C-alpha cells in the first residue's frame, strides 16, 4: 500500500501578515510611548529643579544660623540665594554677608553655581521669562540693604520676608519654591493649579496635574 507522508508542521518564523501586525504594534507603541516618556522626563526635570532651589534655601538658612552662633551676632549674619542671568547663564548662587552691611562679593560665595537645566526657565504664569513676577516679593528695596533677587536669611533662621522663585517647563507646568512664613524660613514647593492659585501637592484635595 502506498504511504503518503504526514503533513509537515509550519516552519518556525513569521508570516508576512504577522510581521506587518508586529510592525504596526511597535509603531503604535512608539507613537504613544515616546510622548509619554518625554512628558515624564520633562516633569522630572522641573520637579528636580524646584527641589534643588529649595535645598539651596535650606543650606543658606543653616549657614546663617551657623555663622550667627559662631560669631555671637544674632540677627546680624545673613545669607542669600540669588538668581542671576548673565554671562554664566541662568544660575542660582549662595552668598554670605558677614557684616550685614549689604556688601556682597564673589568671595562670599558658598559652593558652586546651580544652573537651570535646558528647557526650564524662571517665569510666572501669563508672563515672559524673567518678567516682573518670576521672582515674587524678593526685591528687597526698602527692606534690606542688599536689594538682591532672592531670599535673605538671618542668623536666627528667619527670612527677611515671604516670596517665591517661579519655574516653568514650557509645556504648561509651573512650580514655585516659596517661603510663606518668614519666621521659620522654611521653603515649600507649590504648583500653579487650574489657572487660579498655587497649591502644594494634595493641599485642599488638589492633586497636581501635569500637561
N, C-alpha and C. Protein backbone atom coordinates (compact mmCIF):
# COMPACT_ATOMS: atom_id res chain seq x y z
N UNK A 1 0.85 -1.19 0.00
CA UNK A 1 0.00 0.00 0.00
C UNK A 1 0.88 1.23 0.00
N UNK A 2 0.46 2.16 -0.80
CA UNK A 2 1.25 3.38 -0.89
C UNK A 2 1.02 4.24 0.35
N UNK A 3 2.11 4.70 0.91
CA UNK A 3 2.02 5.56 2.09
C UNK A 3 2.31 7.01 1.70
N UNK A 4 1.47 7.88 2.25
CA UNK A 4 1.65 9.31 2.00
C UNK A 4 2.34 9.96 3.19
N UNK A 5 3.25 10.82 2.94
CA UNK A 5 3.95 11.47 4.07
C UNK A 5 2.99 12.32 4.89
N UNK A 6 3.20 12.29 6.18
CA UNK A 6 2.37 13.11 7.07
C UNK A 6 2.62 14.58 6.76
N UNK A 7 1.58 15.39 6.86
CA UNK A 7 1.77 16.83 6.58
C UNK A 7 2.76 17.45 7.55
N UNK A 8 3.62 18.24 7.00
CA UNK A 8 4.64 18.87 7.83
C UNK A 8 4.05 20.05 8.57
N UNK A 9 4.51 20.24 9.82
CA UNK A 9 4.09 21.43 10.56
C UNK A 9 4.69 22.67 9.93
N UNK A 10 4.03 23.79 10.20
CA UNK A 10 4.52 25.04 9.61
C UNK A 10 5.90 25.35 10.15
N UNK A 11 6.77 25.75 9.29
CA UNK A 11 8.12 26.06 9.70
C UNK A 11 8.12 27.25 10.65
N UNK A 12 9.10 27.24 11.56
CA UNK A 12 9.20 28.34 12.53
C UNK A 12 9.44 29.65 11.80
N UNK A 13 8.88 30.76 12.38
CA UNK A 13 9.08 32.07 11.78
C UNK A 13 7.76 32.82 11.68
N UNK A 14 7.83 34.01 11.12
CA UNK A 14 6.65 34.86 10.97
C UNK A 14 6.17 34.83 9.54
N UNK A 15 4.87 34.85 9.40
CA UNK A 15 4.32 35.08 8.06
C UNK A 15 4.36 36.58 7.79
N UNK A 16 4.11 36.96 6.56
CA UNK A 16 4.13 38.37 6.20
C UNK A 16 3.08 39.15 6.98
N UNK A 17 1.89 38.53 7.14
CA UNK A 17 0.82 39.21 7.87
C UNK A 17 1.21 39.43 9.33
N UNK A 18 1.79 38.39 9.93
CA UNK A 18 2.21 38.52 11.33
C UNK A 18 3.29 39.59 11.48
N UNK A 19 4.20 39.63 10.54
CA UNK A 19 5.26 40.64 10.59
C UNK A 19 4.68 42.05 10.50
N UNK A 20 3.70 42.22 9.62
CA UNK A 20 3.07 43.53 9.48
C UNK A 20 2.32 43.93 10.74
N UNK A 21 1.69 42.95 11.38
CA UNK A 21 0.97 43.23 12.64
C UNK A 21 1.95 43.66 13.72
N UNK A 22 3.09 42.97 13.82
CA UNK A 22 4.10 43.32 14.82
C UNK A 22 4.63 44.73 14.57
N UNK A 23 4.91 45.04 13.30
CA UNK A 23 5.41 46.38 12.96
C UNK A 23 4.38 47.45 13.33
N UNK A 24 3.11 47.15 13.07
CA UNK A 24 2.05 48.11 13.40
C UNK A 24 1.96 48.32 14.91
N UNK A 25 2.09 47.23 15.67
CA UNK A 25 2.05 47.35 17.13
C UNK A 25 3.22 48.17 17.65
N UNK A 26 4.41 47.91 17.12
CA UNK A 26 5.59 48.68 17.55
C UNK A 26 5.41 50.15 17.21
N UNK A 27 4.89 50.43 16.02
CA UNK A 27 4.65 51.81 15.64
C UNK A 27 3.66 52.50 16.55
N UNK A 28 2.58 51.77 16.89
CA UNK A 28 1.59 52.34 17.80
C UNK A 28 2.15 52.62 19.17
N UNK A 29 2.96 51.69 19.67
CA UNK A 29 3.59 51.89 20.98
C UNK A 29 4.53 53.08 20.95
N UNK A 30 5.24 53.25 19.83
CA UNK A 30 6.16 54.38 19.72
C UNK A 30 5.41 55.71 19.71
N UNK A 31 4.29 55.74 18.95
CA UNK A 31 3.50 56.97 18.88
C UNK A 31 2.98 57.35 20.25
N UNK A 32 2.54 56.37 21.03
CA UNK A 32 2.01 56.65 22.36
C UNK A 32 3.12 56.79 23.39
N UNK A 33 4.12 55.93 23.29
CA UNK A 33 5.12 55.84 24.35
C UNK A 33 6.13 56.96 24.38
N UNK A 34 6.59 57.41 23.21
CA UNK A 34 7.62 58.45 23.19
C UNK A 34 7.13 59.76 23.79
N UNK A 35 5.94 60.26 23.42
CA UNK A 35 5.46 61.48 24.09
C UNK A 35 5.28 61.29 25.59
N UNK A 36 4.79 60.12 25.99
CA UNK A 36 4.62 59.88 27.43
C UNK A 36 5.96 59.89 28.14
N UNK A 37 6.97 59.29 27.50
CA UNK A 37 8.31 59.29 28.09
C UNK A 37 8.86 60.70 28.19
N UNK A 38 8.67 61.50 27.13
CA UNK A 38 9.17 62.87 27.14
C UNK A 38 8.46 63.71 28.20
N UNK A 39 7.16 63.49 28.38
CA UNK A 39 6.42 64.21 29.42
C UNK A 39 6.94 63.86 30.80
N UNK A 40 7.21 62.57 31.02
CA UNK A 40 7.75 62.14 32.31
C UNK A 40 9.13 62.74 32.55
N UNK A 41 9.97 62.73 31.52
CA UNK A 41 11.31 63.29 31.64
C UNK A 41 11.24 64.79 31.94
N UNK A 42 10.35 65.48 31.25
CA UNK A 42 10.19 66.91 31.44
C UNK A 42 9.70 67.23 32.85
N UNK A 43 8.73 66.47 33.33
CA UNK A 43 8.20 66.66 34.68
C UNK A 43 9.29 66.42 35.72
N UNK A 44 10.07 65.37 35.51
CA UNK A 44 11.14 65.06 36.45
C UNK A 44 12.16 66.19 36.51
N UNK A 45 12.47 66.77 35.36
CA UNK A 45 13.44 67.87 35.31
C UNK A 45 12.91 69.10 36.05
N UNK A 46 11.62 69.42 35.89
CA UNK A 46 11.04 70.58 36.57
C UNK A 46 11.01 70.38 38.08
N UNK A 47 10.56 69.21 38.51
CA UNK A 47 10.49 68.92 39.95
C UNK A 47 11.89 68.92 40.56
N UNK A 48 12.86 68.33 39.86
CA UNK A 48 14.23 68.30 40.37
C UNK A 48 14.80 69.70 40.50
N UNK A 49 14.48 70.58 39.55
CA UNK A 49 14.96 71.97 39.62
C UNK A 49 14.38 72.67 40.84
N UNK A 50 13.08 72.51 41.07
CA UNK A 50 12.44 73.14 42.22
C UNK A 50 13.04 72.62 43.52
N UNK A 51 13.28 71.32 43.59
CA UNK A 51 13.85 70.75 44.82
C UNK A 51 15.27 71.25 45.04
N UNK A 52 16.02 71.41 43.97
CA UNK A 52 17.39 71.90 44.10
C UNK A 52 17.40 73.32 44.65
N UNK A 53 16.49 74.16 44.17
CA UNK A 53 16.40 75.54 44.67
C UNK A 53 15.97 75.53 46.14
N UNK A 54 15.04 74.65 46.50
CA UNK A 54 14.62 74.54 47.90
C UNK A 54 15.78 74.13 48.79
N UNK A 55 16.61 73.20 48.30
CA UNK A 55 17.79 72.78 49.08
C UNK A 55 18.75 73.95 49.27
N UNK A 56 18.95 74.75 48.23
CA UNK A 56 19.82 75.92 48.36
C UNK A 56 19.31 76.86 49.44
N UNK A 57 18.01 77.04 49.50
CA UNK A 57 17.43 77.89 50.55
C UNK A 57 17.70 77.31 51.94
N UNK A 58 17.55 76.01 52.07
CA UNK A 58 17.78 75.37 53.36
C UNK A 58 19.25 75.49 53.77
N UNK A 59 20.14 75.33 52.81
CA UNK A 59 21.57 75.47 53.10
C UNK A 59 21.88 76.91 53.51
N UNK A 60 21.29 77.88 52.81
CA UNK A 60 21.50 79.29 53.14
C UNK A 60 21.03 79.58 54.56
N UNK A 61 19.87 79.07 54.91
CA UNK A 61 19.33 79.29 56.26
C UNK A 61 20.25 78.69 57.32
N UNK A 62 20.70 77.44 57.08
CA UNK A 62 21.58 76.79 58.06
C UNK A 62 22.91 77.53 58.18
N UNK A 63 23.40 78.05 57.06
CA UNK A 63 24.66 78.78 57.09
C UNK A 63 24.51 80.07 57.90
N UNK A 64 23.38 80.74 57.77
CA UNK A 64 23.14 81.96 58.55
C UNK A 64 23.09 81.64 60.04
N UNK A 65 22.41 80.56 60.40
CA UNK A 65 22.33 80.16 61.81
C UNK A 65 23.71 79.80 62.34
N UNK A 66 24.46 79.03 61.56
CA UNK A 66 25.79 78.61 62.00
C UNK A 66 26.72 79.79 62.21
N UNK A 67 26.72 80.71 61.29
CA UNK A 67 27.62 81.86 61.40
C UNK A 67 27.18 82.80 62.52
N UNK A 68 25.89 82.93 62.72
CA UNK A 68 25.42 83.77 63.81
C UNK A 68 25.79 83.21 65.16
N UNK A 69 25.64 81.89 65.31
CA UNK A 69 26.00 81.26 66.58
C UNK A 69 27.50 81.32 66.82
N UNK A 70 28.26 81.14 65.74
CA UNK A 70 29.72 81.16 65.88
C UNK A 70 30.21 82.54 66.31
N UNK A 71 29.64 83.57 65.70
CA UNK A 71 30.10 84.92 65.98
C UNK A 71 29.34 85.62 67.10
N UNK A 72 28.32 84.93 67.64
CA UNK A 72 27.54 85.54 68.70
C UNK A 72 26.87 86.82 68.26
N UNK A 73 26.42 86.87 67.03
CA UNK A 73 25.91 88.11 66.47
C UNK A 73 24.50 87.88 65.93
N UNK A 74 23.57 87.54 66.81
CA UNK A 74 22.24 87.15 66.40
C UNK A 74 21.57 88.23 65.55
N UNK A 75 20.95 87.78 64.47
CA UNK A 75 20.25 88.65 63.51
C UNK A 75 21.20 89.61 62.80
N UNK A 76 22.46 89.27 62.77
CA UNK A 76 23.40 90.14 62.06
C UNK A 76 23.96 89.45 60.81
N UNK A 77 24.36 88.20 60.96
CA UNK A 77 24.90 87.48 59.80
C UNK A 77 23.76 87.07 58.88
N UNK A 78 23.89 87.31 57.61
CA UNK A 78 22.83 86.96 56.67
C UNK A 78 23.41 86.21 55.48
N UNK A 79 22.59 85.34 54.89
CA UNK A 79 22.95 84.66 53.65
C UNK A 79 21.82 84.86 52.66
N UNK A 80 22.11 84.66 51.42
CA UNK A 80 21.10 84.86 50.38
C UNK A 80 21.25 83.82 49.29
N UNK A 81 20.11 83.43 48.73
CA UNK A 81 20.09 82.65 47.49
C UNK A 81 19.71 83.62 46.39
N UNK A 82 20.58 83.78 45.42
CA UNK A 82 20.43 84.83 44.42
C UNK A 82 20.28 84.21 43.03
N UNK A 83 19.33 84.70 42.25
CA UNK A 83 19.23 84.31 40.85
C UNK A 83 19.89 85.37 39.99
N UNK A 84 20.71 84.91 39.06
CA UNK A 84 21.37 85.83 38.14
C UNK A 84 21.25 85.31 36.72
N UNK A 85 21.10 86.21 35.79
CA UNK A 85 21.05 85.87 34.37
C UNK A 85 22.09 86.71 33.66
N UNK A 86 23.20 86.07 33.31
CA UNK A 86 24.28 86.84 32.71
C UNK A 86 25.22 85.96 31.92
N UNK A 87 26.50 86.30 31.98
CA UNK A 87 27.50 85.59 31.18
C UNK A 87 27.64 84.13 31.61
N UNK A 88 27.29 83.82 32.86
CA UNK A 88 27.39 82.44 33.33
C UNK A 88 26.10 81.67 33.13
N UNK A 89 25.12 82.27 32.46
CA UNK A 89 23.86 81.61 32.20
C UNK A 89 22.83 81.93 33.27
N UNK A 90 21.81 81.08 33.35
CA UNK A 90 20.76 81.23 34.35
C UNK A 90 21.17 80.44 35.58
N UNK A 91 21.62 81.14 36.60
CA UNK A 91 22.22 80.44 37.73
C UNK A 91 21.66 80.95 39.06
N UNK A 92 21.71 80.06 40.05
CA UNK A 92 21.47 80.43 41.44
C UNK A 92 22.80 80.30 42.18
N UNK A 93 23.05 81.22 43.09
CA UNK A 93 24.25 81.14 43.91
C UNK A 93 23.91 81.48 45.35
N UNK A 94 24.75 81.03 46.27
CA UNK A 94 24.55 81.27 47.69
C UNK A 94 25.67 82.17 48.18
N UNK A 95 25.30 83.33 48.74
CA UNK A 95 26.26 84.33 49.18
C UNK A 95 26.11 84.61 50.67
N UNK A 96 27.18 85.12 51.27
CA UNK A 96 27.19 85.47 52.69
C UNK A 96 27.60 86.93 52.85
N UNK A 97 26.90 87.63 53.73
CA UNK A 97 27.27 89.00 54.10
C UNK A 97 27.67 88.96 55.57
N UNK A 98 28.97 88.87 55.82
CA UNK A 98 29.45 88.68 57.20
C UNK A 98 29.19 89.88 58.09
N UNK A 99 29.09 91.05 57.52
CA UNK A 99 28.91 92.25 58.35
C UNK A 99 27.50 92.81 58.28
N UNK A 100 26.63 92.17 57.49
CA UNK A 100 25.24 92.61 57.33
C UNK A 100 25.15 94.06 56.91
N UNK A 101 26.09 94.48 56.07
CA UNK A 101 26.06 95.87 55.60
C UNK A 101 25.59 95.97 54.15
N UNK A 102 25.11 94.85 53.61
CA UNK A 102 24.65 94.86 52.23
C UNK A 102 25.74 94.70 51.21
N UNK A 103 26.96 94.38 51.66
CA UNK A 103 28.09 94.21 50.75
C UNK A 103 28.25 92.73 50.40
N UNK A 104 28.12 92.43 49.13
CA UNK A 104 28.25 91.05 48.66
C UNK A 104 29.31 91.02 47.57
N UNK A 105 30.10 89.98 47.56
CA UNK A 105 31.09 89.84 46.50
C UNK A 105 31.34 88.36 46.26
N UNK A 106 31.93 88.01 45.13
CA UNK A 106 32.14 86.59 44.81
C UNK A 106 32.90 85.82 45.87
N UNK A 107 33.72 86.52 46.65
CA UNK A 107 34.50 85.83 47.68
C UNK A 107 33.61 85.24 48.78
N UNK A 108 32.39 85.75 48.90
CA UNK A 108 31.49 85.25 49.94
C UNK A 108 30.65 84.08 49.46
N UNK A 109 30.84 83.64 48.23
CA UNK A 109 30.03 82.55 47.69
C UNK A 109 30.35 81.24 48.38
N UNK A 110 29.31 80.47 48.67
CA UNK A 110 29.46 79.14 49.27
C UNK A 110 29.06 78.10 48.23
N UNK A 111 29.95 77.16 47.96
CA UNK A 111 29.64 76.12 46.99
C UNK A 111 29.68 76.63 45.56
N UNK A 112 29.19 75.80 44.66
CA UNK A 112 29.20 76.16 43.25
C UNK A 112 27.91 76.80 42.80
N UNK A 113 27.80 77.01 41.51
CA UNK A 113 26.60 77.59 40.93
C UNK A 113 25.61 76.48 40.56
N UNK A 114 24.34 76.77 40.71
CA UNK A 114 23.33 75.84 40.21
C UNK A 114 22.74 76.43 38.93
N UNK A 115 22.94 75.72 37.83
CA UNK A 115 22.43 76.17 36.53
C UNK A 115 21.07 75.53 36.27
N UNK A 116 20.12 76.33 35.85
CA UNK A 116 18.84 75.76 35.43
C UNK A 116 19.05 74.87 34.22
N UNK A 117 18.46 73.68 34.20
CA UNK A 117 18.64 72.79 33.06
C UNK A 117 17.95 73.32 31.82
N UNK A 118 18.34 72.80 30.68
CA UNK A 118 17.72 73.19 29.41
C UNK A 118 16.22 72.94 29.45
N UNK A 119 15.45 73.92 29.03
CA UNK A 119 14.00 73.77 28.99
C UNK A 119 13.29 74.31 30.21
N UNK A 120 14.02 74.63 31.27
CA UNK A 120 13.42 75.18 32.49
C UNK A 120 13.82 76.65 32.60
N UNK A 121 12.83 77.52 32.77
CA UNK A 121 13.10 78.95 32.86
C UNK A 121 12.42 79.53 34.09
N UNK A 122 12.92 80.68 34.51
CA UNK A 122 12.29 81.42 35.59
C UNK A 122 11.17 82.26 34.98
N UNK A 123 9.93 81.89 35.28
CA UNK A 123 8.80 82.54 34.61
C UNK A 123 7.52 82.33 35.40
N UNK A 124 6.70 83.38 35.48
CA UNK A 124 5.39 83.31 36.14
C UNK A 124 4.30 83.09 35.10
N UNK A 125 3.16 82.51 35.50
CA UNK A 125 2.06 82.31 34.55
C UNK A 125 1.63 83.61 33.89
N UNK A 126 1.44 83.54 32.57
CA UNK A 126 0.95 84.69 31.83
C UNK A 126 1.99 85.76 31.55
N UNK A 127 3.26 85.46 31.81
CA UNK A 127 4.32 86.44 31.59
C UNK A 127 5.41 85.86 30.70
N UNK A 128 6.35 86.71 30.33
CA UNK A 128 7.53 86.27 29.61
C UNK A 128 8.58 85.77 30.60
N UNK A 129 9.58 85.02 30.12
CA UNK A 129 10.64 84.57 31.03
C UNK A 129 11.32 85.73 31.74
N UNK A 130 11.57 85.54 33.03
CA UNK A 130 12.27 86.50 33.89
C UNK A 130 11.56 87.85 33.94
N UNK A 131 10.24 87.82 33.78
CA UNK A 131 9.45 89.04 33.88
C UNK A 131 9.21 89.38 35.35
N UNK A 132 8.36 90.37 35.59
CA UNK A 132 8.26 91.01 36.90
C UNK A 132 7.90 90.05 38.03
N UNK A 133 7.03 89.07 37.78
CA UNK A 133 6.58 88.18 38.85
C UNK A 133 7.29 86.83 38.86
N UNK A 134 8.33 86.67 38.05
CA UNK A 134 9.09 85.41 38.08
C UNK A 134 9.74 85.21 39.44
N UNK A 135 10.14 86.31 40.06
CA UNK A 135 10.60 86.29 41.46
C UNK A 135 9.60 87.13 42.23
N UNK A 136 8.82 86.50 43.09
CA UNK A 136 7.74 87.20 43.78
C UNK A 136 8.23 87.74 45.12
N UNK A 137 8.09 89.06 45.31
CA UNK A 137 8.25 89.72 46.62
C UNK A 137 9.67 89.79 47.15
N UNK A 138 10.65 89.29 46.43
CA UNK A 138 12.02 89.30 46.98
C UNK A 138 12.88 90.40 46.39
N UNK A 139 12.27 91.41 45.86
CA UNK A 139 13.02 92.62 45.56
C UNK A 139 13.10 93.38 46.87
N UNK A 140 14.26 93.37 47.50
CA UNK A 140 14.38 93.80 48.90
C UNK A 140 14.49 95.30 49.10
N UNK A 141 14.24 96.09 48.09
CA UNK A 141 14.34 97.53 48.24
C UNK A 141 13.46 98.01 49.40
N UNK A 142 14.04 98.75 50.29
CA UNK A 142 13.30 99.26 51.43
C UNK A 142 13.17 98.28 52.56
N UNK A 143 13.62 97.04 52.36
CA UNK A 143 13.53 96.02 53.41
C UNK A 143 14.91 95.67 53.93
N UNK A 144 15.84 95.48 53.02
CA UNK A 144 17.21 95.15 53.42
C UNK A 144 18.17 95.92 52.51
N UNK A 145 19.38 96.03 52.97
CA UNK A 145 20.35 96.85 52.24
C UNK A 145 20.81 96.21 50.95
N UNK A 146 20.62 94.90 50.81
CA UNK A 146 21.26 94.20 49.71
C UNK A 146 20.53 94.35 48.38
N UNK A 147 19.20 94.46 48.40
CA UNK A 147 18.42 94.57 47.17
C UNK A 147 18.75 93.43 46.20
N UNK A 148 18.66 92.19 46.69
CA UNK A 148 19.01 91.03 45.88
C UNK A 148 17.78 90.36 45.30
N UNK A 149 17.97 89.66 44.20
CA UNK A 149 16.88 88.92 43.57
C UNK A 149 16.75 87.54 44.20
N UNK A 150 16.35 87.49 45.44
CA UNK A 150 16.18 86.23 46.14
C UNK A 150 16.04 86.44 47.63
N UNK A 151 15.83 85.35 48.38
CA UNK A 151 15.61 85.47 49.82
C UNK A 151 16.91 85.66 50.59
N UNK A 152 16.85 86.40 51.68
CA UNK A 152 17.97 86.51 52.61
C UNK A 152 17.53 85.97 53.96
N UNK A 153 18.48 85.36 54.66
CA UNK A 153 18.19 84.69 55.92
C UNK A 153 19.03 85.30 57.04
N UNK A 154 18.41 85.43 58.20
CA UNK A 154 19.08 85.95 59.39
C UNK A 154 19.64 84.81 60.22
N UNK A 155 20.48 85.15 61.17
CA UNK A 155 21.15 84.10 61.94
C UNK A 155 20.26 83.47 63.00
N UNK A 156 19.02 83.91 63.13
CA UNK A 156 18.08 83.18 63.98
C UNK A 156 17.22 82.24 63.15
N UNK A 157 17.54 82.09 61.86
CA UNK A 157 16.81 81.17 60.99
C UNK A 157 15.64 81.78 60.25
N UNK A 158 15.32 83.03 60.55
CA UNK A 158 14.20 83.68 59.88
C UNK A 158 14.64 84.25 58.54
N UNK A 159 13.66 84.44 57.66
CA UNK A 159 13.90 85.11 56.39
C UNK A 159 13.44 86.56 56.51
N UNK A 160 14.02 87.43 55.67
CA UNK A 160 13.61 88.83 55.69
C UNK A 160 12.14 89.00 55.34
N UNK A 161 11.63 88.16 54.46
CA UNK A 161 10.24 88.30 54.06
C UNK A 161 9.80 87.13 53.21
N UNK A 162 8.48 87.01 52.98
CA UNK A 162 7.97 85.93 52.12
C UNK A 162 8.29 86.21 50.66
N UNK A 163 8.23 85.16 49.85
CA UNK A 163 8.49 85.33 48.43
C UNK A 163 8.63 83.98 47.75
N UNK A 164 8.91 84.01 46.45
CA UNK A 164 8.99 82.75 45.70
C UNK A 164 9.80 82.92 44.42
N UNK A 165 10.48 81.84 44.04
CA UNK A 165 11.02 81.67 42.69
C UNK A 165 10.01 80.83 41.91
N UNK A 166 9.69 81.23 40.68
CA UNK A 166 8.72 80.50 39.88
C UNK A 166 9.38 79.93 38.64
N UNK A 167 9.19 78.62 38.44
CA UNK A 167 9.84 77.90 37.35
C UNK A 167 8.80 77.37 36.37
N UNK A 168 9.16 77.37 35.08
CA UNK A 168 8.25 76.96 34.01
C UNK A 168 8.98 76.00 33.08
N UNK A 169 8.24 74.97 32.62
CA UNK A 169 8.86 73.96 31.76
C UNK A 169 8.55 74.13 30.29
N UNK A 170 7.80 75.17 29.92
CA UNK A 170 7.46 75.39 28.52
C UNK A 170 6.32 74.53 28.02
N UNK A 171 5.72 73.71 28.88
CA UNK A 171 4.64 72.81 28.47
C UNK A 171 3.38 73.02 29.31
N UNK A 172 3.31 74.16 29.99
CA UNK A 172 2.11 74.47 30.76
C UNK A 172 2.21 74.19 32.24
N UNK A 173 3.37 73.74 32.71
CA UNK A 173 3.55 73.41 34.13
C UNK A 173 4.42 74.44 34.82
N UNK A 174 3.91 74.98 35.92
CA UNK A 174 4.65 75.96 36.72
C UNK A 174 4.80 75.44 38.14
N UNK A 175 5.99 75.54 38.69
CA UNK A 175 6.23 75.27 40.10
C UNK A 175 6.86 76.51 40.72
N UNK A 176 6.52 76.77 41.97
CA UNK A 176 7.19 77.85 42.68
C UNK A 176 7.80 77.30 43.96
N UNK A 177 8.97 77.81 44.31
CA UNK A 177 9.62 77.49 45.57
C UNK A 177 9.41 78.70 46.47
N UNK A 178 8.60 78.54 47.49
CA UNK A 178 8.10 79.68 48.27
C UNK A 178 8.49 79.58 49.74
N UNK A 179 8.78 80.74 50.31
CA UNK A 179 8.84 80.88 51.77
C UNK A 179 7.59 81.65 52.16
N UNK A 180 6.67 80.96 52.80
CA UNK A 180 5.38 81.55 53.16
C UNK A 180 5.45 82.28 54.49
N UNK A 181 6.17 81.67 55.44
CA UNK A 181 6.24 82.23 56.78
C UNK A 181 7.69 82.60 57.10
N UNK A 182 8.03 83.88 57.03
CA UNK A 182 9.42 84.31 57.23
C UNK A 182 10.01 83.88 58.57
N UNK A 183 9.19 83.78 59.60
CA UNK A 183 9.71 83.44 60.93
C UNK A 183 10.38 82.07 60.94
N UNK A 184 9.90 81.14 60.12
CA UNK A 184 10.50 79.81 60.07
C UNK A 184 11.57 79.70 58.98
N UNK A 185 11.44 80.48 57.91
CA UNK A 185 12.39 80.40 56.81
C UNK A 185 12.31 79.11 56.03
N UNK A 186 11.23 78.35 56.21
CA UNK A 186 11.12 77.03 55.57
C UNK A 186 10.52 77.16 54.17
N UNK A 187 11.20 76.61 53.15
CA UNK A 187 10.65 76.66 51.79
C UNK A 187 9.66 75.53 51.52
N UNK A 188 8.71 75.77 50.66
CA UNK A 188 7.79 74.74 50.19
C UNK A 188 7.70 74.84 48.67
N UNK A 189 7.25 73.74 48.05
CA UNK A 189 7.09 73.70 46.60
C UNK A 189 5.60 73.62 46.28
N UNK A 190 5.14 74.54 45.43
CA UNK A 190 3.73 74.59 45.06
C UNK A 190 3.61 74.61 43.53
N UNK A 191 2.45 74.16 43.06
CA UNK A 191 2.20 74.12 41.61
C UNK A 191 1.03 75.04 41.26
N UNK A 192 1.15 75.69 40.12
CA UNK A 192 0.07 76.51 39.60
C UNK A 192 -1.05 75.58 39.17
N UNK A 193 -2.20 75.69 39.82
CA UNK A 193 -3.25 74.68 39.68
C UNK A 193 -4.52 75.31 39.13
N UNK A 194 -5.00 74.76 38.02
CA UNK A 194 -6.28 75.18 37.47
C UNK A 194 -6.31 76.62 37.00
N UNK A 195 -5.13 77.21 36.81
CA UNK A 195 -5.08 78.59 36.35
C UNK A 195 -5.57 79.60 37.36
N UNK A 196 -5.61 79.21 38.65
CA UNK A 196 -6.18 80.11 39.66
C UNK A 196 -5.28 80.37 40.85
N UNK A 197 -4.51 79.35 41.28
CA UNK A 197 -3.77 79.53 42.53
C UNK A 197 -2.62 78.53 42.60
N UNK A 198 -1.75 78.74 43.60
CA UNK A 198 -0.63 77.84 43.86
C UNK A 198 -1.00 76.92 45.01
N UNK A 199 -0.71 75.61 44.83
CA UNK A 199 -1.03 74.63 45.86
C UNK A 199 0.13 73.65 46.02
N UNK A 200 0.35 73.22 47.25
CA UNK A 200 1.21 72.07 47.46
C UNK A 200 0.45 70.83 47.02
N UNK A 201 1.16 69.78 46.67
CA UNK A 201 0.52 68.56 46.17
C UNK A 201 -0.38 67.97 47.24
N UNK A 202 -1.68 67.85 46.93
CA UNK A 202 -2.64 67.30 47.87
C UNK A 202 -3.28 68.32 48.79
N UNK A 203 -2.78 69.55 48.80
CA UNK A 203 -3.34 70.58 49.66
C UNK A 203 -4.78 70.89 49.23
N UNK A 204 -5.70 70.93 50.21
CA UNK A 204 -7.12 71.19 49.94
C UNK A 204 -7.65 70.25 48.85
N UNK A 205 -7.16 69.00 48.88
CA UNK A 205 -7.58 67.96 47.92
C UNK A 205 -7.21 68.29 46.48
N UNK A 206 -6.26 69.16 46.28
CA UNK A 206 -5.80 69.49 44.94
C UNK A 206 -4.54 68.70 44.61
N UNK A 207 -4.73 67.60 43.89
CA UNK A 207 -3.60 66.78 43.47
C UNK A 207 -3.03 67.35 42.18
N UNK A 208 -1.71 67.47 42.14
CA UNK A 208 -1.07 68.07 40.97
C UNK A 208 -1.46 67.34 39.69
N UNK A 209 -1.72 68.11 38.67
CA UNK A 209 -1.95 67.58 37.33
C UNK A 209 -0.87 68.11 36.40
N UNK A 210 -0.48 67.27 35.44
CA UNK A 210 0.64 67.62 34.56
C UNK A 210 0.19 67.68 33.12
N UNK A 211 0.82 68.56 32.37
CA UNK A 211 0.48 68.76 30.96
C UNK A 211 1.62 68.31 30.07
